Each structure stands twice: as structure tokens, then as C-alpha cells.
Protein backbone atom coordinates (compact mmCIF):
# COMPACT_ATOMS: atom_id res chain seq x y z
CA MET A 1 47.86 -22.89 51.41
CA THR A 2 50.54 -25.51 53.00
CA LYS A 3 54.16 -25.47 53.97
CA THR A 4 55.25 -26.76 50.67
CA GLU A 5 53.37 -24.64 48.72
CA ASN A 6 54.59 -21.72 50.54
CA ASN A 7 58.07 -22.36 49.64
CA ARG A 8 57.10 -23.50 46.25
CA GLN A 9 56.01 -19.66 45.96
CA ASP A 10 58.63 -18.42 47.70
CA PHE A 11 61.28 -20.06 44.90
CA ASP A 12 59.45 -19.64 41.77
CA ALA A 13 59.54 -15.84 42.46
CA SER A 14 62.29 -14.06 41.18
CA LYS A 15 63.50 -10.09 41.13
CA GLU A 16 65.11 -8.68 38.24
CA GLY A 17 68.01 -6.22 39.41
CA LYS A 18 70.16 -3.97 37.71
CA LEU A 19 73.85 -3.32 38.22
CA PRO A 20 75.62 -0.19 37.71
CA CYS A 21 77.46 -0.97 34.79
CA GLY A 22 74.11 -1.65 33.12
CA CYS A 23 73.96 -5.65 33.50
CA ILE A 24 70.40 -6.96 34.32
CA TYR A 25 70.32 -10.16 36.30
CA GLN A 26 67.68 -12.49 38.56
CA ASP A 27 67.99 -13.31 41.70
CA LYS A 28 66.63 -16.84 41.90
CA GLY A 29 67.46 -17.33 45.99
CA TRP A 30 70.54 -19.25 45.91
CA ILE A 31 71.83 -18.10 42.42
CA LEU A 32 72.48 -14.84 39.87
CA MET A 33 71.53 -15.36 36.45
CA ARG A 34 72.17 -12.85 34.01
CA VAL A 35 69.49 -11.66 31.88
CA ASN A 36 71.50 -9.28 30.08
CA GLU A 37 75.14 -8.31 29.99
CA CYS A 38 77.17 -4.46 29.70
CA GLU A 39 79.18 -4.34 26.88
CA TYR A 40 82.05 -3.69 29.28
CA HIS A 41 81.59 -7.48 30.88
CA HIS A 42 80.91 -8.55 27.28
CA ARG A 43 84.39 -7.56 26.19
CA LYS A 44 86.31 -8.68 29.34
CA ARG A 45 84.38 -12.40 28.70
CA THR A 46 85.38 -12.40 24.80
CA ALA A 47 88.68 -11.04 24.99
CA LYS A 48 91.77 -12.85 23.16
CA ARG A 49 94.05 -14.05 25.52
CA PRO A 50 97.67 -14.26 24.77
CA TYR A 51 99.37 -17.56 24.95
CA ARG A 52 101.17 -19.17 27.78
CA PRO A 53 102.53 -22.17 28.04
CA LYS A 54 102.58 -24.64 30.94
CA ALA A 55 106.14 -24.04 32.93
CA GLU A 56 107.69 -27.14 33.06
CA CYS A 57 108.28 -28.68 35.90
CA VAL A 58 111.86 -28.65 38.05
CA ARG A 59 113.00 -31.64 39.86
CA PRO A 60 116.50 -31.97 40.92
């Protein structure tokens, strides 16, 4: 097996993990990809937030 083939196998191999909250993710080496999202994080991500206008610039 050559060095590039060995690196390709390491790169393609991904480990699945589970967080205490219930989210399931895959560890792809350089990034964590969420496979399944728990109810808590889904609510936080999709929560409706109140409108906050931009502050006007104050110049003397």
C-alpha cells in the first residue's frame, strides 16, 4: 500500500459519535458533520428572534 492510498483510507474513514444532549455527528477528521439533531438544538437554531434595528452612527 502506498502512502497516498493509506492517507485516502484515513480520510474516508469517519467515526460516529453521540453528544450527551442527543445529537449524532460524524467525525471526518477536519470537520464534525451533524447527522441527527436533538430537539434542544433544533429549537435554538429555529427560534424566532425579535427584530433589533441597527444603531445609528453618532458623529460629532
